[in-house]
Amino acid sequence: MSYPNFEAFAVDPADLGIDAPTSPPLPLLVDPPAPPVRNPSGEPLVEVSHPLISVLGCYHRLGLAGARPDTRLRAGALERLTRAVAILPLGFGLAVFDGWRSLQLQTELYRAAYSDPQLPPGFVAEPSTDPTKPPPHLTGGTVDLTLTHDRTPLALGTTFDDFSEAAHTAAFEETPGLVRDLRRLLFWTMSEAGFVVLAQEWWHFEYGTGRWAAIRRSTPLYGATE
């Protein structure tokens, strides 16, 4: 599922003449089974608002059912997102495509994506109502984002919600160039701030979720919330 008007939200970084900082190679990326959520935190959802973080509201601008005009995250996830943007080199910032989702929006996205029987699993989580296995975005600990340069959002090799092999976070590791370097910058910045990435999607980062707990060998912090 790829949205034709995504171009309104991001541009090819090559068009801007960006010099990407040198970052280490990406590690081996895996998505281990997530442990069940047992005692979810009651931490509130708060609105994303920061001078160096643009809120794009992609799904709301596309008119999808259940999408909000603002973007919300758990307070702890937002604190770490603020930490991440402070780490970035001068001139860079972040642009958020999506954060917390309602179950209605998660259901619509899942049905739209998997109306294609050829799409492999792992791109859009099932809209489960099991409180021990919430979809990551329903927890408020997951954020879809990209880098900005001089406040211009960047498309790092693919558009947002491009469900192809090129969208895999490490897809450009064997292809030296600007896209590889910018994906590395995004990954290491978010990792230093406490997030983990989804191996299939370069834009998808999590904190406090089941996947985060599995990768960080910790305990999930967040369950589904409204």
C-alpha atoms as a PDB file:
ATOM      1  CA  MET A   1       0.000   0.000   0.000  1.00  0.00           C
ATOM      2  CA  SER A   2       1.630   3.224  -1.160  1.00  0.00           C
ATOM      3  CA  TYR A   3      -0.114   6.573  -1.249  1.00  0.00           C
ATOM      4  CA  PRO A   4       0.303   8.609  -4.457  1.00  0.00           C
ATOM      5  CA  ASN A   5       0.192  11.968  -2.682  1.00  0.00           C
ATOM      6  CA  PHE A   6       3.034  11.069  -0.298  1.00  0.00           C
ATOM      7  CA  GLU A   7       5.215  13.382  -2.401  1.00  0.00           C
ATOM      8  CA  ALA A   8       3.498  16.246  -0.589  1.00  0.00           C
ATOM      9  CA  PHE A   9       5.197  15.088   2.618  1.00  0.00           C
ATOM     10  CA  ALA A  10       8.812  14.334   1.635  1.00  0.00           C
ATOM     11  CA  VAL A  11      11.413  14.790  -1.096  1.00  0.00           C
ATOM     12  CA  ASP A  12      14.366  12.833  -2.422  1.00  0.00           C
ATOM     13  CA  PRO A  13      17.387  13.936  -0.350  1.00  0.00           C
ATOM     14  CA  ALA A  14      19.539  13.977  -3.493  1.00  0.00           C
ATOM     15  CA  ASP A  15      17.501  16.943  -4.711  1.00  0.00           C
ATOM     16  CA  LEU A  16      18.725  19.050  -1.778  1.00  0.00           C
ATOM     17  CA  GLY A  17      22.462  18.464  -2.105  1.00  0.00           C
ATOM     18  CA  ILE A  18      22.779  17.101   1.445  1.00  0.00           C
ATOM     19  CA  ASP A  19      26.079  15.884   2.846  1.00  0.00           C
ATOM     20  CA  ALA A  20      25.201  13.071   5.244  1.00  0.00           C
ATOM     21  CA  PRO A  21      27.321  12.544   8.358  1.00  0.00           C
ATOM     22  CA  THR A  22      29.296   9.302   8.554  1.00  0.00           C
ATOM     23  CA  SER A  23      27.625   6.726  10.830  1.00  0.00           C
ATOM     24  CA  PRO A  24      28.512   3.094  11.662  1.00  0.00           C
ATOM     25  CA  PRO A  25      27.003   0.249   9.607  1.00  0.00           C
ATOM     26  CA  LEU A  26      23.671  -1.118  10.743  1.00  0.00           C
ATOM     27  CA  PRO A  27      23.760  -4.228  12.952  1.00  0.00           C
ATOM     28  CA  LEU A  28      21.949  -7.450  12.094  1.00  0.00           C
ATOM     29  CA  LEU A  29      18.262  -6.530  12.419  1.00  0.00           C
ATOM     30  CA  VAL A  30      15.790  -9.129  13.639  1.00  0.00           C
ATOM     31  CA  ASP A  31      12.242  -9.007  15.010  1.00  0.00           C
ATOM     32  CA  PRO A  32      12.031 -11.604  17.815  1.00  0.00           C
ATOM     33  CA  PRO A  33       8.639 -12.726  19.188  1.00  0.00           C
ATOM     34  CA  ALA A  34       7.261 -10.123  21.563  1.00  0.00           C
ATOM     35  CA  PRO A  35       6.548 -11.126  25.184  1.00  0.00           C
ATOM     36  CA  PRO A  36       2.976 -10.577  26.398  1.00  0.00           C
ATOM     37  CA  VAL A  37       2.031  -7.345  28.127  1.00  0.00           C
ATOM     38  CA  ARG A  38       1.124  -8.174  31.739  1.00  0.00           C
ATOM     39  CA  ASN A  39       1.105  -4.952  33.754  1.00  0.00           C
ATOM     40  CA  PRO A  40       0.818  -2.026  31.348  1.00  0.00           C
ATOM     41  CA  SER A  41       1.850   1.436  32.436  1.00  0.00           C
ATOM     42  CA  GLY A  42      -0.816   4.062  32.913  1.00  0.00           C
ATOM     43  CA  GLU A  43       1.450   6.707  31.388  1.00  0.00           C
ATOM     44  CA  PRO A  44      -0.619   9.285  29.473  1.00  0.00           C
ATOM     45  CA  LEU A  45      -0.703  10.012  25.767  1.00  0.00           C
ATOM     46  CA  VAL A  46       0.621  13.492  25.031  1.00  0.00           C
ATOM     47  CA  GLU A  47       0.650  15.581  21.878  1.00  0.00           C
ATOM     48  CA  VAL A  48       3.868  15.793  19.847  1.00  0.00           C
ATOM     49  CA  SER A  49       4.934  19.434  19.732  1.00  0.00           C
ATOM     50  CA  HIS A  50       8.543  20.543  19.270  1.00  0.00           C
ATOM     51  CA  PRO A  51      10.200  23.205  17.085  1.00  0.00           C
ATOM     52  CA  LEU A  52      12.444  20.632  15.384  1.00  0.00           C
ATOM     53  CA  ILE A  53       9.760  17.926  14.969  1.00  0.00           C
ATOM     54  CA  SER A  54       7.270  18.401  12.134  1.00  0.00           C
ATOM     55  CA  VAL A  55       3.899  16.658  12.487  1.00  0.00           C
ATOM     56  CA  LEU A  56       2.717  15.562   9.038  1.00  0.00           C
ATOM     57  CA  GLY A  57      -0.561  13.828   9.936  1.00  0.00           C
ATOM     58  CA  CYS A  58      -0.452  11.669   6.819  1.00  0.00           C
ATOM     59  CA  TYR A  59      -3.485   9.485   7.496  1.00  0.00           C
ATOM     60  CA  HIS A  60      -5.665  12.383   8.597  1.00  0.00           C
ATOM     61  CA  ARG A  61      -4.748  14.370   5.487  1.00  0.00           C
ATOM     62  CA  LEU A  62      -5.689  11.344   3.410  1.00  0.00           C
ATOM     63  CA  GLY A  63      -9.099  11.225   5.103  1.00  0.00           C
ATOM     64  CA  LEU A  64      -8.754   7.760   6.624  1.00  0.00           C
ATOM     65  CA  ALA A  65     -11.369   6.756   9.221  1.00  0.00           C
ATOM     66  CA  GLY A  66     -10.143   7.013  12.803  1.00  0.00           C
ATOM     67  CA  ALA A  67      -7.146   9.220  11.970  1.00  0.00           C
ATOM     68  CA  ARG A  68      -6.493  12.275  14.158  1.00  0.00           C
ATOM     69  CA  PRO A  69      -5.277  15.719  13.032  1.00  0.00           C
ATOM     70  CA  ASP A  70      -2.637  15.690  15.790  1.00  0.00           C
ATOM     71  CA  THR A  71      -0.057  13.048  16.742  1.00  0.00           C
ATOM     72  CA  ARG A  72       0.184  11.566  20.225  1.00  0.00           C
ATOM     73  CA  LEU A  73       2.707   9.339  21.987  1.00  0.00           C
ATOM     74  CA  ARG A  74       3.211   8.078  25.503  1.00  0.00           C
ATOM     75  CA  ALA A  75       4.991  10.633  27.643  1.00  0.00           C
ATOM     76  CA  GLY A  76       8.080   8.422  27.934  1.00  0.00           C
ATOM     77  CA  ALA A  77       8.261   7.826  24.194  1.00  0.00           C
ATOM     78  CA  LEU A  78       7.895  11.529  23.467  1.00  0.00           C
ATOM     79  CA  GLU A  79      10.630  12.365  25.967  1.00  0.00           C
ATOM     80  CA  ARG A  80      12.961  10.018  24.091  1.00  0.00           C
ATOM     81  CA  LEU A  81      11.896  11.432  20.742  1.00  0.00           C
ATOM     82  CA  THR A  82      12.837  14.873  22.044  1.00  0.00           C
ATOM     83  CA  ARG A  83      16.165  13.408  23.126  1.00  0.00           C
ATOM     84  CA  ALA A  84      16.679  11.996  19.636  1.00  0.00           C
ATOM     85  CA  VAL A  85      16.118  15.271  17.802  1.00  0.00           C
ATOM     86  CA  ALA A  86      18.632  16.948  20.130  1.00  0.00           C
ATOM     87  CA  ILE A  87      21.300  14.415  19.085  1.00  0.00           C
ATOM     88  CA  LEU A  88      21.004  15.156  15.358  1.00  0.00           C
ATOM     89  CA  PRO A  89      23.616  17.282  13.586  1.00  0.00           C
ATOM     90  CA  LEU A  90      22.891  20.941  12.922  1.00  0.00           C
ATOM     91  CA  GLY A  91      20.368  21.398  10.125  1.00  0.00           C
ATOM     92  CA  PHE A  92      18.642  18.056  10.683  1.00  0.00           C
ATOM     93  CA  GLY A  93      15.348  17.405  12.447  1.00  0.00           C
ATOM     94  CA  LEU A  94      12.497  14.889  12.421  1.00  0.00           C
ATOM     95  CA  ALA A  95       9.124  14.671  10.682  1.00  0.00           C
ATOM     96  CA  VAL A  96       6.464  12.358  12.119  1.00  0.00           C
ATOM     97  CA  PHE A  97       4.124  10.507   9.781  1.00  0.00           C
ATOM     98  CA  ASP A  98       2.114   8.732  12.487  1.00  0.00           C
ATOM     99  CA  GLY A  99       2.114   7.852  16.183  1.00  0.00           C
ATOM    100  CA  TRP A 100      -0.685   6.431  18.320  1.00  0.00           C
ATOM    101  CA  ARG A 101      -3.505   4.874  16.255  1.00  0.00           C
ATOM    102  CA  SER A 102      -7.067   4.019  17.101  1.00  0.00           C
ATOM    103  CA  LEU A 103      -8.182   0.429  16.598  1.00  0.00           C
ATOM    104  CA  GLN A 104     -10.453   1.710  13.816  1.00  0.00           C
ATOM    105  CA  LEU A 105      -7.508   3.146  11.877  1.00  0.00           C
ATOM    106  CA  GLN A 106      -5.356   0.062  12.510  1.00  0.00           C
ATOM    107  CA  THR A 107      -8.142  -2.128  11.128  1.00  0.00           C
ATOM    108  CA  GLU A 108      -8.537   0.022   8.011  1.00  0.00           C
ATOM    109  CA  LEU A 109      -4.793   0.032   7.323  1.00  0.00           C
ATOM    110  CA  TYR A 110      -4.478  -3.722   7.848  1.00  0.00           C
ATOM    111  CA  ARG A 111      -7.381  -4.513   5.519  1.00  0.00           C
ATOM    112  CA  ALA A 112      -6.066  -2.173   2.839  1.00  0.00           C
ATOM    113  CA  ALA A 113      -2.544  -3.602   3.012  1.00  0.00           C
ATOM    114  CA  TYR A 114      -3.510  -7.262   3.062  1.00  0.00           C
ATOM    115  CA  SER A 115      -6.100  -6.965   0.335  1.00  0.00           C
ATOM    116  CA  ASP A 116      -2.935  -7.818  -1.631  1.00  0.00           C
ATOM    117  CA  PRO A 117      -2.521 -11.585  -1.082  1.00  0.00           C
ATOM    118  CA  GLN A 118       1.123 -11.367  -2.176  1.00  0.00           C
ATOM    119  CA  LEU A 119       2.151  -9.040   0.653  1.00  0.00           C
ATOM    120  CA  PRO A 120       4.279 -10.944   3.188  1.00  0.00           C
ATOM    121  CA  PRO A 121       3.470 -10.664   6.900  1.00  0.00           C
ATOM    122  CA  GLY A 122       5.199  -8.128   9.100  1.00  0.00           C
ATOM    123  CA  PHE A 123       4.345  -4.807   7.502  1.00  0.00           C
ATOM    124  CA  VAL A 124       1.044  -3.916   9.217  1.00  0.00           C
ATOM    125  CA  ALA A 125       0.155  -5.503  12.552  1.00  0.00           C
ATOM    126  CA  GLU A 126      -3.167  -7.298  12.894  1.00  0.00           C
ATOM    127  CA  PRO A 127      -5.787  -5.208  14.727  1.00  0.00           C
ATOM    128  CA  SER A 128      -5.829  -7.519  17.735  1.00  0.00           C
ATOM    129  CA  THR A 129      -8.019  -6.788  20.760  1.00  0.00           C
ATOM    130  CA  ASP A 130      -6.036  -9.192  22.971  1.00  0.00           C
ATOM    131  CA  PRO A 131      -4.727  -6.947  25.793  1.00  0.00           C
ATOM    132  CA  THR A 132      -1.546  -9.020  26.088  1.00  0.00           C
ATOM    133  CA  LYS A 133      -0.685  -8.635  22.373  1.00  0.00           C
ATOM    134  CA  PRO A 134      -1.576  -5.094  21.297  1.00  0.00           C
ATOM    135  CA  PRO A 135      -0.573  -3.786  17.851  1.00  0.00           C
ATOM    136  CA  PRO A 136       2.465  -1.531  18.416  1.00  0.00           C
ATOM    137  CA  HIS A 137       0.806   1.708  17.293  1.00  0.00           C
ATOM    138  CA  LEU A 138      -2.148   1.196  19.652  1.00  0.00           C
ATOM    139  CA  THR A 139       0.240   1.364  22.610  1.00  0.00           C
ATOM    140  CA  GLY A 140       1.387   4.913  21.924  1.00  0.00           C
ATOM    141  CA  GLY A 141       4.986   3.729  22.031  1.00  0.00           C
ATOM    142  CA  THR A 142       5.453   3.575  18.262  1.00  0.00           C
ATOM    143  CA  VAL A 143       6.281   6.396  15.886  1.00  0.00           C
ATOM    144  CA  ASP A 144       6.677   6.479  12.097  1.00  0.00           C
ATOM    145  CA  LEU A 145       9.066   9.218  11.048  1.00  0.00           C
ATOM    146  CA  THR A 146      11.825  10.454   8.789  1.00  0.00           C
ATOM    147  CA  LEU A 147      14.657  12.953   8.891  1.00  0.00           C
ATOM    148  CA  THR A 148      14.261  16.548   7.857  1.00  0.00           C
ATOM    149  CA  HIS A 149      16.967  18.832   6.477  1.00  0.00           C
ATOM    150  CA  ASP A 150      16.367  22.552   6.848  1.00  0.00           C
ATOM    151  CA  ARG A 151      12.815  21.498   7.861  1.00  0.00           C
ATOM    152  CA  THR A 152      12.214  19.603   4.597  1.00  0.00           C
ATOM    153  CA  PRO A 153      11.061  15.974   5.197  1.00  0.00           C
ATOM    154  CA  LEU A 154      13.203  13.421   3.370  1.00  0.00           C
ATOM    155  CA  ALA A 155      12.132  10.225   1.592  1.00  0.00           C
ATOM    156  CA  LEU A 156      14.939   7.797   2.444  1.00  0.00           C
ATOM    157  CA  GLY A 157      14.962   5.518  -0.591  1.00  0.00           C
ATOM    158  CA  THR A 158      11.214   4.812  -0.585  1.00  0.00           C
ATOM    159  CA  THR A 159       7.985   6.550   0.290  1.00  0.00           C
ATOM    160  CA  PHE A 160       6.255   6.015   3.621  1.00  0.00           C
ATOM    161  CA  ASP A 161       4.203   2.780   3.626  1.00  0.00           C
ATOM    162  CA  ASP A 162       6.085   1.387   0.657  1.00  0.00           C
ATOM    163  CA  PHE A 163       5.848  -2.350   1.328  1.00  0.00           C
ATOM    164  CA  SER A 164       8.728  -3.536  -0.830  1.00  0.00           C
ATOM    165  CA  GLU A 165      12.154  -4.961  -0.053  1.00  0.00           C
ATOM    166  CA  ALA A 166      13.628  -1.489  -0.564  1.00  0.00           C
ATOM    167  CA  ALA A 167      11.714  -0.360   2.546  1.00  0.00           C
ATOM    168  CA  HIS A 168      13.649  -2.786   4.762  1.00  0.00           C
ATOM    169  CA  THR A 169      15.813  -0.754   7.107  1.00  0.00           C
ATOM    170  CA  ALA A 170      19.058  -2.367   5.948  1.00  0.00           C
ATOM    171  CA  ALA A 171      18.115  -2.563   2.250  1.00  0.00           C
ATOM    172  CA  PHE A 172      20.824  -0.083   1.189  1.00  0.00           C
ATOM    173  CA  GLU A 173      23.641  -1.373   3.405  1.00  0.00           C
ATOM    174  CA  GLU A 174      25.446  -2.826   0.368  1.00  0.00           C
ATOM    175  CA  THR A 175      24.798   0.291  -1.726  1.00  0.00           C
ATOM    176  CA  PRO A 176      27.097   3.138  -0.632  1.00  0.00           C
ATOM    177  CA  GLY A 177      25.478   6.512  -1.040  1.00  0.00           C
ATOM    178  CA  LEU A 178      23.275   9.173   0.481  1.00  0.00           C
ATOM    179  CA  VAL A 179      20.258   6.951   1.260  1.00  0.00           C
ATOM    180  CA  ARG A 180      22.387   4.421   3.121  1.00  0.00           C
ATOM    181  CA  ASP A 181      24.131   7.142   5.121  1.00  0.00           C
ATOM    182  CA  LEU A 182      20.899   8.906   6.055  1.00  0.00           C
ATOM    183  CA  ARG A 183      19.216   5.658   7.103  1.00  0.00           C
ATOM    184  CA  ARG A 184      22.231   4.943   9.288  1.00  0.00           C
ATOM    185  CA  LEU A 185      21.981   8.415  10.824  1.00  0.00           C
ATOM    186  CA  LEU A 186      18.288   7.929  11.582  1.00  0.00           C
ATOM    187  CA  PHE A 187      18.795   4.448  13.034  1.00  0.00           C
ATOM    188  CA  TRP A 188      21.702   5.328  15.319  1.00  0.00           C
ATOM    189  CA  THR A 189      20.065   8.549  16.497  1.00  0.00           C
ATOM    190  CA  MET A 190      16.839   6.785  17.449  1.00  0.00           C
ATOM    191  CA  SER A 191      18.744   3.864  18.967  1.00  0.00           C
ATOM    192  CA  GLU A 192      20.795   6.172  21.176  1.00  0.00           C
ATOM    193  CA  ALA A 193      17.558   7.759  22.375  1.00  0.00           C
ATOM    194  CA  GLY A 194      16.185   4.339  23.380  1.00  0.00           C
ATOM    195  CA  PHE A 195      14.107   3.174  20.396  1.00  0.00           C
ATOM    196  CA  VAL A 196      14.264  -0.012  18.325  1.00  0.00           C
ATOM    197  CA  VAL A 197      13.449  -0.233  14.618  1.00  0.00           C
ATOM    198  CA  LEU A 198      11.188  -2.589  12.682  1.00  0.00           C
ATOM    199  CA  ALA A 199      13.426  -4.539  10.299  1.00  0.00           C
ATOM    200  CA  GLN A 200      10.918  -4.257   7.423  1.00  0.00           C
ATOM    201  CA  GLU A 201      10.319  -0.499   7.674  1.00  0.00           C
ATOM    202  CA  TRP A 202      13.061   2.116   7.930  1.00  0.00           C
ATOM    203  CA  TRP A 203      10.584   4.704   9.300  1.00  0.00           C
ATOM    204  CA  HIS A 204       9.057   2.598  12.134  1.00  0.00           C
ATOM    205  CA  PHE A 205      10.501   2.938  15.667  1.00  0.00           C
ATOM    206  CA  GLU A 206       9.256   1.631  19.014  1.00  0.00           C
ATOM    207  CA  TYR A 207       9.815   2.289  22.702  1.00  0.00           C
ATOM    208  CA  GLY A 208       8.143   0.371  25.547  1.00  0.00           C
ATOM    209  CA  THR A 209       6.332  -2.086  23.255  1.00  0.00           C
ATOM    210  CA  GLY A 210       6.552  -5.871  23.096  1.00  0.00           C
ATOM    211  CA  ARG A 211       9.038  -5.746  20.204  1.00  0.00           C
ATOM    212  CA  TRP A 212      11.149  -3.205  22.091  1.00  0.00           C
ATOM    213  CA  ALA A 213      11.118  -5.475  25.150  1.00  0.00           C
ATOM    214  CA  ALA A 214      12.162  -8.519  23.108  1.00  0.00           C
ATOM    215  CA  ILE A 215      15.067  -6.710  21.441  1.00  0.00           C
ATOM    216  CA  ARG A 216      16.193  -4.890  24.587  1.00  0.00           C
ATOM    217  CA  ARG A 217      15.600  -7.959  26.776  1.00  0.00           C
ATOM    218  CA  SER A 218      13.273  -6.039  29.008  1.00  0.00           C
ATOM    219  CA  THR A 219       9.602  -6.023  30.000  1.00  0.00           C
ATOM    220  CA  PRO A 220       6.894  -4.326  27.888  1.00  0.00           C
ATOM    221  CA  LEU A 221       5.813  -1.009  29.347  1.00  0.00           C
ATOM    222  CA  TYR A 222       2.754  -0.155  27.303  1.00  0.00           C
ATOM    223  CA  GLY A 223      -0.480  -1.886  26.455  1.00  0.00           C
ATOM    224  CA  ALA A 224      -3.216  -0.658  24.139  1.00  0.00           C
ATOM    225  CA  THR A 225      -4.625   2.717  25.140  1.00  0.00           C
ATOM    226  CA  GLU A 226      -7.281   5.182  24.064  1.00  0.00           C
END
